[in-house]
Amino acid sequence: MRINHLLTVAALLWSGTLAAQGPQGRDAPHPVVKPVMTEALPDYPGKEALVLTVDYPPGGASPLHHHDAHTYVYVLEGSVVMAVKGGKEVTLMPGQSWGEKPGDVHTVSRNASQTKPAKFVVFMLKDIGKPAVIPGP
């Protein structure tokens, strides 16, 4: 029960934080983030795996943010555009993946389509108790 509660809180914080601020997500519909699971990793003390799904409505985007975690995306439906500071924008289609390192600033995260939704899975390896998303750089 406690894990599900923490996942729900993390997802709400992620959705609310991403929708509330930042240049790219200012006028765009915000994502719907759903917790799937979290699990402490006993072989890596203080670390946990966190899995979420993110649904972008048509034209949806997330503002500038970062994750203090190793973060991996796997696209299920539609197409998404991703980029970190200093990197090139990448458009991902279903079956493609993308990763970020702790400290990378996620400058672009948006649905590539203005007419079709997009959905992806996010897997994070993070410190227990740290937020899944941190607004700004």
Protein backbone atom coordinates (compact mmCIF):
# COMPACT_ATOMS: atom_id res chain seq x y z
CA MET A 1 0.00 0.00 0.00
CA ARG A 2 2.71 2.49 0.93
CA ILE A 3 4.56 1.87 -2.34
CA ASN A 4 1.40 2.47 -4.39
CA HIS A 5 0.74 5.67 -2.44
CA LEU A 6 4.29 6.90 -3.08
CA LEU A 7 3.99 6.06 -6.78
CA THR A 8 0.72 7.97 -7.03
CA VAL A 9 2.24 10.99 -5.30
CA ALA A 10 5.30 10.84 -7.61
CA ALA A 11 3.08 10.68 -10.69
CA LEU A 12 0.94 13.59 -9.54
CA LEU A 13 4.01 15.66 -8.75
CA TRP A 14 5.49 14.81 -12.16
CA SER A 15 2.29 15.72 -14.04
CA GLY A 16 1.67 18.87 -12.02
CA THR A 17 5.26 20.06 -12.10
CA LEU A 18 5.64 19.45 -15.82
CA ALA A 19 2.36 21.14 -16.63
CA ALA A 20 2.94 24.16 -14.45
CA GLN A 21 6.06 25.75 -15.85
CA GLY A 22 8.70 25.88 -18.54
CA PRO A 23 8.86 27.25 -22.07
CA GLN A 24 8.01 24.19 -24.12
CA GLY A 25 5.04 23.04 -22.03
CA ARG A 26 3.56 26.45 -21.25
CA ASP A 27 0.63 26.29 -23.67
CA ALA A 28 0.74 22.60 -24.52
CA PRO A 29 -1.58 19.99 -23.04
CA HIS A 30 0.24 18.27 -20.20
CA PRO A 31 1.06 14.58 -20.01
CA VAL A 32 -0.84 12.00 -18.01
CA VAL A 33 1.66 10.08 -15.90
CA LYS A 34 0.65 6.75 -14.35
CA PRO A 35 2.75 4.79 -11.88
CA VAL A 36 3.33 1.16 -12.78
CA MET A 37 5.70 -0.02 -10.04
CA THR A 38 8.59 0.80 -7.80
CA GLU A 39 10.97 -1.60 -6.16
CA ALA A 40 13.92 -1.18 -3.85
CA LEU A 41 17.07 -2.84 -5.16
CA PRO A 42 18.75 -4.69 -2.28
CA ASP A 43 21.88 -5.38 -4.36
CA TYR A 44 22.23 -1.59 -4.76
CA PRO A 45 21.60 -0.11 -1.31
CA GLY A 46 19.68 3.15 -1.38
CA LYS A 47 18.54 2.66 -5.00
CA GLU A 48 15.16 1.82 -6.48
CA ALA A 49 13.65 1.09 -9.87
CA LEU A 50 10.66 3.21 -10.85
CA VAL A 51 8.44 2.47 -13.87
CA LEU A 52 5.84 4.92 -15.19
CA THR A 53 3.76 5.34 -18.32
CA VAL A 54 3.42 8.77 -19.92
CA ASP A 55 0.56 9.63 -22.26
CA TYR A 56 0.91 12.77 -24.36
CA PRO A 57 -2.28 14.09 -25.90
CA PRO A 58 -1.97 15.54 -29.41
CA GLY A 59 0.36 18.54 -29.19
CA GLY A 60 1.30 17.62 -25.61
CA ALA A 61 4.66 18.58 -24.12
CA SER A 62 6.61 18.78 -20.88
CA PRO A 63 8.57 21.86 -19.87
CA LEU A 64 12.27 21.96 -19.09
CA HIS A 65 13.17 19.51 -16.32
CA HIS A 66 15.72 16.95 -15.23
CA HIS A 67 15.86 13.66 -13.38
CA ASP A 68 18.46 12.86 -10.77
CA ALA A 69 18.37 9.32 -12.12
CA HIS A 70 19.37 7.07 -14.97
CA THR A 71 16.23 7.35 -17.11
CA TYR A 72 15.16 5.27 -20.09
CA VAL A 73 12.18 5.76 -22.41
CA TYR A 74 10.53 3.12 -24.61
CA VAL A 75 7.87 4.35 -27.04
CA LEU A 76 4.67 2.30 -27.25
CA GLU A 77 2.42 4.44 -29.46
CA GLY A 78 2.72 7.52 -31.65
CA SER A 79 5.99 9.41 -31.82
CA VAL A 80 7.82 11.66 -29.38
CA VAL A 81 10.62 14.18 -29.70
CA MET A 82 13.33 14.15 -27.01
CA ALA A 83 16.52 16.14 -26.39
CA VAL A 84 18.88 17.01 -23.57
CA LYS A 85 20.90 20.21 -23.27
CA GLY A 86 23.77 20.13 -25.74
CA GLY A 87 22.23 17.26 -27.71
CA LYS A 88 20.23 17.02 -30.90
CA GLU A 89 16.48 16.46 -31.01
CA VAL A 90 15.57 12.84 -31.69
CA THR A 91 12.17 11.67 -32.92
CA LEU A 92 11.29 8.24 -31.56
CA MET A 93 8.72 5.85 -33.01
CA PRO A 94 7.10 2.77 -31.43
CA GLY A 95 9.73 0.24 -30.41
CA GLN A 96 12.52 2.81 -30.13
CA SER A 97 14.24 3.85 -26.91
CA TRP A 98 16.24 6.77 -25.52
CA GLY A 99 18.17 7.44 -22.33
CA GLU A 100 19.29 10.23 -20.02
CA LYS A 101 21.99 10.32 -17.39
CA PRO A 102 21.71 11.97 -13.97
CA GLY A 103 22.31 15.69 -14.41
CA ASP A 104 21.14 15.83 -18.04
CA VAL A 105 18.71 18.72 -18.55
CA HIS A 106 15.70 17.48 -20.52
CA THR A 107 15.13 20.44 -22.85
CA VAL A 108 12.64 18.77 -25.21
CA SER A 109 9.99 16.20 -24.41
CA ARG A 110 6.90 16.42 -26.60
CA ASN A 111 4.47 14.60 -28.80
CA ALA A 112 5.67 14.83 -32.40
CA SER A 113 2.06 15.01 -33.60
CA GLN A 114 -0.57 17.71 -33.23
CA THR A 115 -3.33 15.23 -34.13
CA LYS A 116 -2.43 11.84 -32.61
CA PRO A 117 -1.63 10.81 -29.02
CA ALA A 118 1.69 9.26 -27.97
CA LYS A 119 2.53 6.88 -25.13
CA PHE A 120 5.80 5.69 -23.66
CA VAL A 121 7.17 3.78 -20.70
CA VAL A 122 9.78 5.39 -18.44
CA PHE A 123 12.19 3.28 -16.40
CA MET A 124 14.33 5.03 -13.78
CA LEU A 125 17.12 3.89 -11.55
CA LYS A 126 17.12 6.46 -8.77
CA ASP A 127 17.92 7.14 -5.14
CA ILE A 128 15.14 6.10 -2.78
CA GLY A 129 13.21 9.15 -1.61
CA LYS A 130 14.37 11.50 -4.38
CA PRO A 131 11.72 12.96 -6.69
CA ALA A 132 11.24 11.44 -10.12
CA VAL A 133 11.30 14.84 -11.81
CA ILE A 134 12.86 18.15 -10.90
CA PRO A 135 11.69 21.33 -12.66
CA GLY A 136 14.23 23.51 -14.45
CA PRO A 137 17.93 22.90 -15.01
